[in-house]
Amino acid sequence: MDAGSIVLLHLVAPSEKYWGALLKMTQSGITVRAVNISSFEDWMREVAYEDEPGLGPATLFFPLHRVERMSLDEPMGPVESMSQMLERRVGRSAAELLGLVPEAEPSETTH
């Protein structure tokens, strides 16, 4: 897994799960731009309805001793990945919403 990969991160002590972009992985730990899985649906709803952001991704560092496992966010047969679900529901890519690429500006129309 390389920097920029969209991952699911499972942590211990305390048990937590995060979805987001891997920014850096070193011998001491993992840095991600991520959202806690328990907040994912609420965050996605805020983005979809363009509500005032109350939730959102944060840049986080986790020491390696807390990392139980990390997996790529990818589809499993007919089950879509969280990234695919996010893009289908809000019409914007995970990379854009996590700040990996500049947000697209609304196109101006001339009349």
PDB file of N, CA and C in Angstrom:
ATOM      1  N   MET A   1       0.850  -1.174   0.000  1.00  0.00           N
ATOM      2  CA  MET A   1       0.000   0.000   0.000  1.00  0.00           C
ATOM      3  C   MET A   1       0.893   1.234   0.000  1.00  0.00           C
ATOM      4  N   ASP A   2       0.559   2.130  -0.895  1.00  0.00           N
ATOM      5  CA  ASP A   2       1.355   3.336  -1.069  1.00  0.00           C
ATOM      6  C   ASP A   2       0.609   4.551  -0.545  1.00  0.00           C
ATOM      7  N   ALA A   3       1.352   5.643  -0.364  1.00  0.00           N
ATOM      8  CA  ALA A   3       0.726   6.907   0.025  1.00  0.00           C
ATOM      9  C   ALA A   3      -0.352   7.245  -1.004  1.00  0.00           C
ATOM     10  N   GLY A   4      -1.492   7.674  -0.521  1.00  0.00           N
ATOM     11  CA  GLY A   4      -2.620   7.993  -1.390  1.00  0.00           C
ATOM     12  C   GLY A   4      -3.624   6.859  -1.521  1.00  0.00           C
ATOM     13  N   SER A   5      -3.249   5.648  -1.093  1.00  0.00           N
ATOM     14  CA  SER A   5      -4.195   4.526  -1.126  1.00  0.00           C
ATOM     15  C   SER A   5      -5.325   4.781  -0.148  1.00  0.00           C
ATOM     16  N   ILE A   6      -6.536   4.411  -0.532  1.00  0.00           N
ATOM     17  CA  ILE A   6      -7.683   4.508   0.366  1.00  0.00           C
ATOM     18  C   ILE A   6      -7.747   3.191   1.137  1.00  0.00           C
ATOM     19  N   VAL A   7      -7.734   3.308   2.476  1.00  0.00           N
ATOM     20  CA  VAL A   7      -7.596   2.125   3.319  1.00  0.00           C
ATOM     21  C   VAL A   7      -8.624   2.090   4.438  1.00  0.00           C
ATOM     22  N   LEU A   8      -8.773   0.910   5.006  1.00  0.00           N
ATOM     23  CA  LEU A   8      -9.512   0.688   6.242  1.00  0.00           C
ATOM     24  C   LEU A   8      -8.469   0.313   7.285  1.00  0.00           C
ATOM     25  N   LEU A   9      -8.483   0.999   8.402  1.00  0.00           N
ATOM     26  CA  LEU A   9      -7.485   0.810   9.443  1.00  0.00           C
ATOM     27  C   LEU A   9      -8.182   0.314  10.705  1.00  0.00           C
ATOM     28  N   HIS A  10      -7.746  -0.836  11.218  1.00  0.00           N
ATOM     29  CA  HIS A  10      -8.298  -1.425  12.435  1.00  0.00           C
ATOM     30  C   HIS A  10      -7.263  -1.261  13.537  1.00  0.00           C
ATOM     31  N   LEU A  11      -7.677  -0.627  14.638  1.00  0.00           N
ATOM     32  CA  LEU A  11      -6.768  -0.328  15.741  1.00  0.00           C
ATOM     33  C   LEU A  11      -7.184  -1.072  17.006  1.00  0.00           C
ATOM     34  N   VAL A  12      -6.218  -1.226  17.912  1.00  0.00           N
ATOM     35  CA  VAL A  12      -6.485  -1.838  19.217  1.00  0.00           C
ATOM     36  C   VAL A  12      -6.100  -0.860  20.317  1.00  0.00           C
ATOM     37  N   ALA A  13      -6.604  -1.119  21.513  1.00  0.00           N
ATOM     38  CA  ALA A  13      -6.257  -0.388  22.743  1.00  0.00           C
ATOM     39  C   ALA A  13      -6.384   1.120  22.626  1.00  0.00           C
ATOM     40  N   PRO A  14      -7.548   1.686  22.436  1.00  0.00           N
ATOM     41  CA  PRO A  14      -8.865   1.051  22.327  1.00  0.00           C
ATOM     42  C   PRO A  14      -9.163   0.624  20.893  1.00  0.00           C
ATOM     43  N   SER A  15     -10.158  -0.241  20.768  1.00  0.00           N
ATOM     44  CA  SER A  15     -10.565  -0.736  19.459  1.00  0.00           C
ATOM     45  C   SER A  15     -11.263   0.382  18.682  1.00  0.00           C
ATOM     46  N   GLU A  16     -10.741   0.698  17.504  1.00  0.00           N
ATOM     47  CA  GLU A  16     -11.314   1.724  16.631  1.00  0.00           C
ATOM     48  C   GLU A  16     -11.105   1.304  15.186  1.00  0.00           C
ATOM     49  N   LYS A  17     -11.941   1.850  14.305  1.00  0.00           N
ATOM     50  CA  LYS A  17     -11.788   1.612  12.871  1.00  0.00           C
ATOM     51  C   LYS A  17     -11.875   2.946  12.154  1.00  0.00           C
ATOM     52  N   TYR A  18     -10.993   3.137  11.172  1.00  0.00           N
ATOM     53  CA  TYR A  18     -10.959   4.361  10.384  1.00  0.00           C
ATOM     54  C   TYR A  18     -10.949   4.029   8.907  1.00  0.00           C
ATOM     55  N   TRP A  19     -11.555   4.910   8.122  1.00  0.00           N
ATOM     56  CA  TRP A  19     -11.535   4.834   6.664  1.00  0.00           C
ATOM     57  C   TRP A  19     -10.901   6.130   6.175  1.00  0.00           C
ATOM     58  N   GLY A  20      -9.947   6.008   5.256  1.00  0.00           N
ATOM     59  CA  GLY A  20      -9.350   7.217   4.712  1.00  0.00           C
ATOM     60  C   GLY A  20      -8.139   6.936   3.849  1.00  0.00           C
ATOM     61  N   ALA A  21      -7.360   7.988   3.644  1.00  0.00           N
ATOM     62  CA  ALA A  21      -6.189   7.912   2.770  1.00  0.00           C
ATOM     63  C   ALA A  21      -4.923   7.710   3.592  1.00  0.00           C
ATOM     64  N   LEU A  22      -4.134   6.760   3.180  1.00  0.00           N
ATOM     65  CA  LEU A  22      -2.822   6.549   3.784  1.00  0.00           C
ATOM     66  C   LEU A  22      -1.904   7.673   3.315  1.00  0.00           C
ATOM     67  N   LEU A  23      -1.340   8.407   4.251  1.00  0.00           N
ATOM     68  CA  LEU A  23      -0.422   9.481   3.896  1.00  0.00           C
ATOM     69  C   LEU A  23       1.025   9.030   4.015  1.00  0.00           C
ATOM     70  N   LYS A  24       1.315   8.282   5.099  1.00  0.00           N
ATOM     71  CA  LYS A  24       2.706   7.879   5.341  1.00  0.00           C
ATOM     72  C   LYS A  24       2.723   6.676   6.277  1.00  0.00           C
ATOM     73  N   MET A  25       3.658   5.749   5.999  1.00  0.00           N
ATOM     74  CA  MET A  25       3.836   4.594   6.853  1.00  0.00           C
ATOM     75  C   MET A  25       5.326   4.480   7.168  1.00  0.00           C
ATOM     76  N   THR A  26       5.659   4.484   8.463  1.00  0.00           N
ATOM     77  CA  THR A  26       7.049   4.378   8.894  1.00  0.00           C
ATOM     78  C   THR A  26       7.166   3.258   9.921  1.00  0.00           C
ATOM     79  N   GLN A  27       8.364   3.039  10.404  1.00  0.00           N
ATOM     80  CA  GLN A  27       8.576   2.019  11.436  1.00  0.00           C
ATOM     81  C   GLN A  27       7.895   2.394  12.744  1.00  0.00           C
ATOM     82  N   SER A  28       7.644   3.673  12.945  1.00  0.00           N
ATOM     83  CA  SER A  28       7.025   4.095  14.203  1.00  0.00           C
ATOM     84  C   SER A  28       5.495   4.158  14.127  1.00  0.00           C
ATOM     85  N   GLY A  29       4.940   4.304  12.920  1.00  0.00           N
ATOM     86  CA  GLY A  29       3.490   4.358  12.848  1.00  0.00           C
ATOM     87  C   GLY A  29       2.944   4.717  11.492  1.00  0.00           C
ATOM     88  N   ILE A  30       1.652   4.998  11.475  1.00  0.00           N
ATOM     89  CA  ILE A  30       0.908   5.264  10.241  1.00  0.00           C
ATOM     90  C   ILE A  30       0.208   6.615  10.361  1.00  0.00           C
ATOM     91  N   THR A  31       0.344   7.442   9.325  1.00  0.00           N
ATOM     92  CA  THR A  31      -0.365   8.714   9.257  1.00  0.00           C
ATOM     93  C   THR A  31      -1.430   8.602   8.176  1.00  0.00           C
ATOM     94  N   VAL A  32      -2.656   8.967   8.543  1.00  0.00           N
ATOM     95  CA  VAL A  32      -3.788   8.884   7.621  1.00  0.00           C
ATOM     96  C   VAL A  32      -4.588  10.183   7.669  1.00  0.00           C
ATOM     97  N   ARG A  33      -5.319  10.431   6.612  1.00  0.00           N
ATOM     98  CA  ARG A  33      -6.343  11.485   6.576  1.00  0.00           C
ATOM     99  C   ARG A  33      -7.631  10.706   6.550  1.00  0.00           C
ATOM    100  N   ALA A  34      -8.346  10.665   7.685  1.00  0.00           N
ATOM    101  CA  ALA A  34      -9.395   9.667   7.819  1.00  0.00           C
ATOM    102  C   ALA A  34     -10.582  10.133   8.651  1.00  0.00           C
ATOM    103  N   VAL A  35     -11.633   9.318   8.565  1.00  0.00           N
ATOM    104  CA  VAL A  35     -12.872   9.497   9.314  1.00  0.00           C
ATOM    105  C   VAL A  35     -13.107   8.209  10.093  1.00  0.00           C
ATOM    106  N   ASN A  36     -13.517   8.344  11.348  1.00  0.00           N
ATOM    107  CA  ASN A  36     -13.872   7.176  12.131  1.00  0.00           C
ATOM    108  C   ASN A  36     -15.070   6.502  11.463  1.00  0.00           C
ATOM    109  N   ILE A  37     -15.024   5.187  11.362  1.00  0.00           N
ATOM    110  CA  ILE A  37     -16.092   4.432  10.697  1.00  0.00           C
ATOM    111  C   ILE A  37     -17.454   4.743  11.327  1.00  0.00           C
ATOM    112  N   SER A  38     -17.490   4.953  12.633  1.00  0.00           N
ATOM    113  CA  SER A  38     -18.776   5.223  13.291  1.00  0.00           C
ATOM    114  C   SER A  38     -19.377   6.555  12.854  1.00  0.00           C
ATOM    115  N   SER A  39     -18.573   7.450  12.280  1.00  0.00           N
ATOM    116  CA  SER A  39     -19.055   8.756  11.807  1.00  0.00           C
ATOM    117  C   SER A  39     -19.219   8.814  10.291  1.00  0.00           C
ATOM    118  N   PHE A  40     -18.836   7.769   9.583  1.00  0.00           N
ATOM    119  CA  PHE A  40     -18.783   7.779   8.123  1.00  0.00           C
ATOM    120  C   PHE A  40     -20.133   8.126   7.491  1.00  0.00           C
ATOM    121  N   GLU A  41     -21.202   7.455   7.901  1.00  0.00           N
ATOM    122  CA  GLU A  41     -22.536   7.701   7.311  1.00  0.00           C
ATOM    123  C   GLU A  41     -22.989   9.142   7.554  1.00  0.00           C
ATOM    124  N   ASP A  42     -22.786   9.644   8.775  1.00  0.00           N
ATOM    125  CA  ASP A  42     -23.187  11.016   9.086  1.00  0.00           C
ATOM    126  C   ASP A  42     -22.389  12.012   8.254  1.00  0.00           C
ATOM    127  N   TRP A  43     -21.090  11.776   8.127  1.00  0.00           N
ATOM    128  CA  TRP A  43     -20.237  12.658   7.318  1.00  0.00           C
ATOM    129  C   TRP A  43     -20.683  12.640   5.856  1.00  0.00           C
ATOM    130  N   MET A  44     -20.957  11.439   5.339  1.00  0.00           N
ATOM    131  CA  MET A  44     -21.383  11.305   3.948  1.00  0.00           C
ATOM    132  C   MET A  44     -22.698  12.062   3.726  1.00  0.00           C
ATOM    133  N   ARG A  45     -23.599  11.986   4.683  1.00  0.00           N
ATOM    134  CA  ARG A  45     -24.880  12.697   4.585  1.00  0.00           C
ATOM    135  C   ARG A  45     -24.645  14.212   4.595  1.00  0.00           C
ATOM    136  N   GLU A  46     -23.742  14.702   5.450  1.00  0.00           N
ATOM    137  CA  GLU A  46     -23.417  16.134   5.477  1.00  0.00           C
ATOM    138  C   GLU A  46     -22.889  16.600   4.124  1.00  0.00           C
ATOM    139  N   VAL A  47     -22.002  15.812   3.548  1.00  0.00           N
ATOM    140  CA  VAL A  47     -21.420  16.158   2.251  1.00  0.00           C
ATOM    141  C   VAL A  47     -22.497  16.133   1.175  1.00  0.00           C
ATOM    142  N   ALA A  48     -23.327  15.102   1.173  1.00  0.00           N
ATOM    143  CA  ALA A  48     -24.360  14.957   0.146  1.00  0.00           C
ATOM    144  C   ALA A  48     -25.356  16.112   0.177  1.00  0.00           C
ATOM    145  N   TYR A  49     -25.731  16.552   1.361  1.00  0.00           N
ATOM    146  CA  TYR A  49     -26.723  17.622   1.488  1.00  0.00           C
ATOM    147  C   TYR A  49     -26.089  18.992   1.654  1.00  0.00           C
ATOM    148  N   GLU A  50     -24.762  19.045   1.509  1.00  0.00           N
ATOM    149  CA  GLU A  50     -23.995  20.284   1.618  1.00  0.00           C
ATOM    150  C   GLU A  50     -24.328  21.030   2.904  1.00  0.00           C
ATOM    151  N   ASP A  51     -24.487  20.253   3.989  1.00  0.00           N
ATOM    152  CA  ASP A  51     -24.714  20.847   5.305  1.00  0.00           C
ATOM    153  C   ASP A  51     -23.427  21.468   5.815  1.00  0.00           C
ATOM    154  N   GLU A  52     -23.578  22.325   6.805  1.00  0.00           N
ATOM    155  CA  GLU A  52     -22.410  22.901   7.477  1.00  0.00           C
ATOM    156  C   GLU A  52     -21.607  21.744   8.071  1.00  0.00           C
ATOM    157  N   PRO A  53     -20.313  21.648   7.754  1.00  0.00           N
ATOM    158  CA  PRO A  53     -19.551  20.495   8.234  1.00  0.00           C
ATOM    159  C   PRO A  53     -19.413  20.487   9.752  1.00  0.00           C
ATOM    160  N   GLY A  54     -19.828  19.390  10.349  1.00  0.00           N
ATOM    161  CA  GLY A  54     -19.647  19.180  11.773  1.00  0.00           C
ATOM    162  C   GLY A  54     -18.695  18.025  11.994  1.00  0.00           C
ATOM    163  N   LEU A  55     -18.625  17.184  10.983  1.00  0.00           N
ATOM    164  CA  LEU A  55     -17.743  16.022  10.989  1.00  0.00           C
ATOM    165  C   LEU A  55     -16.831  16.151   9.786  1.00  0.00           C
ATOM    166  N   GLY A  56     -15.848  15.335   9.743  1.00  0.00           N
ATOM    167  CA  GLY A  56     -15.007  15.337   8.558  1.00  0.00           C
ATOM    168  C   GLY A  56     -13.686  14.675   8.815  1.00  0.00           C
ATOM    169  N   PRO A  57     -12.932  14.513   7.759  1.00  0.00           N
ATOM    170  CA  PRO A  57     -11.639  13.841   7.906  1.00  0.00           C
ATOM    171  C   PRO A  57     -10.655  14.695   8.699  1.00  0.00           C
ATOM    172  N   ALA A  58      -9.794  13.996   9.413  1.00  0.00           N
ATOM    173  CA  ALA A  58      -8.722  14.637  10.175  1.00  0.00           C
ATOM    174  C   ALA A  58      -7.423  13.921   9.833  1.00  0.00           C
ATOM    175  N   THR A  59      -6.318  14.619   9.960  1.00  0.00           N
ATOM    176  CA  THR A  59      -5.008  14.004   9.760  1.00  0.00           C
ATOM    177  C   THR A  59      -4.585  13.432  11.103  1.00  0.00           C
ATOM    178  N   LEU A  60      -4.350  12.125  11.126  1.00  0.00           N
ATOM    179  CA  LEU A  60      -4.094  11.399  12.362  1.00  0.00           C
ATOM    180  C   LEU A  60      -2.845  10.539  12.257  1.00  0.00           C
ATOM    181  N   PHE A  61      -2.118  10.427  13.363  1.00  0.00           N
ATOM    182  CA  PHE A  61      -0.978   9.515  13.450  1.00  0.00           C
ATOM    183  C   PHE A  61      -1.313   8.447  14.480  1.00  0.00           C
ATOM    184  N   PHE A  62      -1.078   7.184  14.117  1.00  0.00           N
ATOM    185  CA  PHE A  62      -1.269   6.082  15.046  1.00  0.00           C
ATOM    186  C   PHE A  62       0.037   5.319  15.180  1.00  0.00           C
ATOM    187  N   PRO A  63       0.529   5.144  16.420  1.00  0.00           N
ATOM    188  CA  PRO A  63       1.746   4.351  16.605  1.00  0.00           C
ATOM    189  C   PRO A  63       1.501   2.915  16.145  1.00  0.00           C
ATOM    190  N   LEU A  64       2.512   2.304  15.618  1.00  0.00           N
ATOM    191  CA  LEU A  64       2.386   0.980  15.018  1.00  0.00           C
ATOM    192  C   LEU A  64       1.845  -0.065  15.996  1.00  0.00           C
ATOM    193  N   HIS A  65       2.130   0.068  17.285  1.00  0.00           N
ATOM    194  CA  HIS A  65       1.642  -0.936  18.245  1.00  0.00           C
ATOM    195  C   HIS A  65       0.120  -0.935  18.371  1.00  0.00           C
ATOM    196  N   ARG A  66      -0.545   0.133  17.902  1.00  0.00           N
ATOM    197  CA  ARG A  66      -2.011   0.184  17.924  1.00  0.00           C
ATOM    198  C   ARG A  66      -2.647  -0.421  16.679  1.00  0.00           C
ATOM    199  N   VAL A  67      -1.871  -0.603  15.625  1.00  0.00           N
ATOM    200  CA  VAL A  67      -2.417  -1.075  14.350  1.00  0.00           C
ATOM    201  C   VAL A  67      -2.557  -2.592  14.366  1.00  0.00           C
ATOM    202  N   GLU A  68      -3.822  -3.040  14.287  1.00  0.00           N
ATOM    203  CA  GLU A  68      -4.079  -4.474  14.213  1.00  0.00           C
ATOM    204  C   GLU A  68      -3.939  -4.947  12.765  1.00  0.00           C
ATOM    205  N   ARG A  69      -4.578  -4.189  11.850  1.00  0.00           N
ATOM    206  CA  ARG A  69      -4.451  -4.512  10.422  1.00  0.00           C
ATOM    207  C   ARG A  69      -4.897  -3.307   9.600  1.00  0.00           C
ATOM    208  N   MET A  70      -4.474  -3.321   8.346  1.00  0.00           N
ATOM    209  CA  MET A  70      -4.851  -2.289   7.391  1.00  0.00           C
ATOM    210  C   MET A  70      -5.157  -3.007   6.084  1.00  0.00           C
ATOM    211  N   SER A  71      -6.258  -2.619   5.446  1.00  0.00           N
ATOM    212  CA  SER A  71      -6.610  -3.239   4.170  1.00  0.00           C
ATOM    213  C   SER A  71      -7.016  -2.154   3.183  1.00  0.00           C
ATOM    214  N   LEU A  72      -6.850  -2.456   1.913  1.00  0.00           N
ATOM    215  CA  LEU A  72      -7.292  -1.532   0.869  1.00  0.00           C
ATOM    216  C   LEU A  72      -8.812  -1.487   0.847  1.00  0.00           C
ATOM    217  N   ASP A  73      -9.345  -0.328   0.586  1.00  0.00           N
ATOM    218  CA  ASP A  73     -10.788  -0.174   0.410  1.00  0.00           C
ATOM    219  C   ASP A  73     -11.089  -0.568  -1.033  1.00  0.00           C
ATOM    220  N   GLU A  74     -11.515  -1.788  -1.209  1.00  0.00           N
ATOM    221  CA  GLU A  74     -11.793  -2.286  -2.559  1.00  0.00           C
ATOM    222  C   GLU A  74     -13.063  -3.121  -2.542  1.00  0.00           C
ATOM    223  N   PRO A  75     -13.722  -3.216  -3.691  1.00  0.00           N
ATOM    224  CA  PRO A  75     -14.963  -3.993  -3.739  1.00  0.00           C
ATOM    225  C   PRO A  75     -14.698  -5.474  -3.509  1.00  0.00           C
ATOM    226  N   MET A  76     -15.714  -6.139  -2.968  1.00  0.00           N
ATOM    227  CA  MET A  76     -15.650  -7.593  -2.750  1.00  0.00           C
ATOM    228  C   MET A  76     -16.811  -8.211  -3.504  1.00  0.00           C
ATOM    229  N   GLY A  77     -16.533  -8.704  -4.709  1.00  0.00           N
ATOM    230  CA  GLY A  77     -17.598  -9.254  -5.539  1.00  0.00           C
ATOM    231  C   GLY A  77     -18.631  -8.187  -5.835  1.00  0.00           C
ATOM    232  N   PRO A  78     -19.912  -8.448  -5.526  1.00  0.00           N
ATOM    233  CA  PRO A  78     -20.962  -7.461  -5.814  1.00  0.00           C
ATOM    234  C   PRO A  78     -21.034  -6.330  -4.775  1.00  0.00           C
ATOM    235  N   VAL A  79     -20.296  -6.431  -3.677  1.00  0.00           N
ATOM    236  CA  VAL A  79     -20.337  -5.414  -2.622  1.00  0.00           C
ATOM    237  C   VAL A  79     -19.341  -4.304  -2.973  1.00  0.00           C
ATOM    238  N   GLU A  80     -19.858  -3.080  -3.102  1.00  0.00           N
ATOM    239  CA  GLU A  80     -18.998  -1.968  -3.482  1.00  0.00           C
ATOM    240  C   GLU A  80     -18.114  -1.533  -2.312  1.00  0.00           C
ATOM    241  N   SER A  81     -16.996  -0.903  -2.648  1.00  0.00           N
ATOM    242  CA  SER A  81     -16.106  -0.360  -1.624  1.00  0.00           C
ATOM    243  C   SER A  81     -16.759   0.860  -0.997  1.00  0.00           C
ATOM    244  N   MET A  82     -16.236   1.295   0.136  1.00  0.00           N
ATOM    245  CA  MET A  82     -16.766   2.502   0.776  1.00  0.00           C
ATOM    246  C   MET A  82     -16.534   3.714  -0.119  1.00  0.00           C
ATOM    247  N   SER A  83     -15.410   3.729  -0.838  1.00  0.00           N
ATOM    248  CA  SER A  83     -15.124   4.830  -1.773  1.00  0.00           C
ATOM    249  C   SER A  83     -16.157   4.882  -2.893  1.00  0.00           C
ATOM    250  N   GLN A  84     -16.504   3.718  -3.434  1.00  0.00           N
ATOM    251  CA  GLN A  84     -17.501   3.659  -4.496  1.00  0.00           C
ATOM    252  C   GLN A  84     -18.866   4.111  -3.988  1.00  0.00           C
ATOM    253  N   MET A  85     -19.225   3.673  -2.777  1.00  0.00           N
ATOM    254  CA  MET A  85     -20.494   4.074  -2.184  1.00  0.00           C
ATOM    255  C   MET A  85     -20.527   5.588  -1.975  1.00  0.00           C
ATOM    256  N   LEU A  86     -19.432   6.140  -1.471  1.00  0.00           N
ATOM    257  CA  LEU A  86     -19.338   7.580  -1.252  1.00  0.00           C
ATOM    258  C   LEU A  86     -19.513   8.340  -2.565  1.00  0.00           C
ATOM    259  N   GLU A  87     -18.803   7.934  -3.605  1.00  0.00           N
ATOM    260  CA  GLU A  87     -18.893   8.631  -4.895  1.00  0.00           C
ATOM    261  C   GLU A  87     -20.288   8.512  -5.499  1.00  0.00           C
ATOM    262  N   ARG A  88     -20.901   7.342  -5.363  1.00  0.00           N
ATOM    263  CA  ARG A  88     -22.259   7.153  -5.907  1.00  0.00           C
ATOM    264  C   ARG A  88     -23.258   8.050  -5.175  1.00  0.00           C
ATOM    265  N   ARG A  89     -23.122   8.173  -3.876  1.00  0.00           N
ATOM    266  CA  ARG A  89     -24.101   8.946  -3.090  1.00  0.00           C
ATOM    267  C   ARG A  89     -23.888  10.453  -3.153  1.00  0.00           C
ATOM    268  N   VAL A  90     -22.636  10.906  -3.242  1.00  0.00           N
ATOM    269  CA  VAL A  90     -22.402  12.361  -3.197  1.00  0.00           C
ATOM    270  C   VAL A  90     -21.859  12.938  -4.494  1.00  0.00           C
ATOM    271  N   GLY A  91     -21.455  12.076  -5.433  1.00  0.00           N
ATOM    272  CA  GLY A  91     -20.999  12.558  -6.725  1.00  0.00           C
ATOM    273  C   GLY A  91     -19.606  13.166  -6.725  1.00  0.00           C
ATOM    274  N   ARG A  92     -18.833  12.895  -5.686  1.00  0.00           N
ATOM    275  CA  ARG A  92     -17.450  13.382  -5.610  1.00  0.00           C
ATOM    276  C   ARG A  92     -16.564  12.233  -5.167  1.00  0.00           C
ATOM    277  N   SER A  93     -15.310  12.254  -5.599  1.00  0.00           N
ATOM    278  CA  SER A  93     -14.403  11.146  -5.301  1.00  0.00           C
ATOM    279  C   SER A  93     -13.883  11.211  -3.867  1.00  0.00           C
ATOM    280  N   ALA A  94     -13.489  10.055  -3.359  1.00  0.00           N
ATOM    281  CA  ALA A  94     -12.879   9.980  -2.032  1.00  0.00           C
ATOM    282  C   ALA A  94     -11.617  10.830  -1.986  1.00  0.00           C
ATOM    283  N   ALA A  95     -10.809  10.772  -3.038  1.00  0.00           N
ATOM    284  CA  ALA A  95      -9.563  11.554  -3.072  1.00  0.00           C
ATOM    285  C   ALA A  95      -9.851  13.047  -2.930  1.00  0.00           C
ATOM    286  N   GLU A  96     -10.883  13.516  -3.593  1.00  0.00           N
ATOM    287  CA  GLU A  96     -11.254  14.934  -3.511  1.00  0.00           C
ATOM    288  C   GLU A  96     -11.738  15.286  -2.107  1.00  0.00           C
ATOM    289  N   LEU A  97     -12.607  14.461  -1.535  1.00  0.00           N
ATOM    290  CA  LEU A  97     -13.172  14.749  -0.223  1.00  0.00           C
ATOM    291  C   LEU A  97     -12.164  14.613   0.907  1.00  0.00           C
ATOM    292  N   LEU A  98     -11.122  13.819   0.682  1.00  0.00           N
ATOM    293  CA  LEU A  98     -10.080  13.668   1.692  1.00  0.00           C
ATOM    294  C   LEU A  98      -8.952  14.685   1.516  1.00  0.00           C
ATOM    295  N   GLY A  99      -9.083  15.533   0.489  1.00  0.00           N
ATOM    296  CA  GLY A  99      -8.092  16.581   0.292  1.00  0.00           C
ATOM    297  C   GLY A  99      -6.840  16.147  -0.437  1.00  0.00           C
ATOM    298  N   LEU A 100      -6.910  15.021  -1.149  1.00  0.00           N
ATOM    299  CA  LEU A 100      -5.751  14.542  -1.895  1.00  0.00           C
ATOM    300  C   LEU A 100      -5.609  15.235  -3.242  1.00  0.00           C
ATOM    301  N   VAL A 101      -6.725  15.738  -3.746  1.00  0.00           N
ATOM    302  CA  VAL A 101      -6.738  16.509  -4.997  1.00  0.00           C
ATOM    303  C   VAL A 101      -7.569  17.759  -4.739  1.00  0.00           C
ATOM    304  N   PRO A 102      -7.294  18.834  -5.446  1.00  0.00           N
ATOM    305  CA  PRO A 102      -8.094  20.049  -5.244  1.00  0.00           C
ATOM    306  C   PRO A 102      -9.559  19.791  -5.564  1.00  0.00           C
ATOM    307  N   GLU A 103     -10.445  20.423  -4.792  1.00  0.00           N
ATOM    308  CA  GLU A 103     -11.879  20.287  -5.051  1.00  0.00           C
ATOM    309  C   GLU A 103     -12.221  20.945  -6.370  1.00  0.00           C
ATOM    310  N   ALA A 104     -13.114  20.308  -7.098  1.00  0.00           N
ATOM    311  CA  ALA A 104     -13.561  20.869  -8.374  1.00  0.00           C
ATOM    312  C   ALA A 104     -14.394  22.109  -8.097  1.00  0.00           C
ATOM    313  N   GLU A 105     -14.148  23.143  -8.856  1.00  0.00           N
ATOM    314  CA  GLU A 105     -14.935  24.363  -8.698  1.00  0.00           C
ATOM    315  C   GLU A 105     -16.191  24.255  -9.550  1.00  0.00           C
ATOM    316  N   PRO A 106     -17.293  24.790  -9.052  1.00  0.00           N
ATOM    317  CA  PRO A 106     -18.527  24.729  -9.860  1.00  0.00           C
ATOM    318  C   PRO A 106     -18.321  25.457 -11.177  1.00  0.00           C
ATOM    319  N   SER A 107     -18.831  24.860 -12.231  1.00  0.00           N
ATOM    320  CA  SER A 107     -18.676  25.502 -13.535  1.00  0.00           C
ATOM    321  C   SER A 107     -19.651  26.664 -13.651  1.00  0.00           C
ATOM    322  N   GLU A 108     -19.169  27.716 -14.276  1.00  0.00           N
ATOM    323  CA  GLU A 108     -20.013  28.877 -14.485  1.00  0.00           C
ATOM    324  C   GLU A 108     -20.680  28.759 -15.850  1.00  0.00           C
ATOM    325  N   THR A 109     -21.944  29.118 -15.871  1.00  0.00           N
ATOM    326  CA  THR A 109     -22.649  29.093 -17.157  1.00  0.00           C
ATOM    327  C   THR A 109     -22.961  30.522 -17.555  1.00  0.00           C
ATOM    328  N   THR A 110     -22.861  30.771 -18.816  1.00  0.00           N
ATOM    329  CA  THR A 110     -23.182  32.103 -19.319  1.00  0.00           C
ATOM    330  C   THR A 110     -24.524  32.058 -20.018  1.00  0.00           C
ATOM    331  N   HIS A 111     -25.310  33.069 -19.839  1.00  0.00           N
ATOM    332  CA  HIS A 111     -26.644  33.104 -20.448  1.00  0.00           C
ATOM    333  C   HIS A 111     -26.726  34.228 -21.434  1.00  0.00           C
TER     334      HIS A 111
END
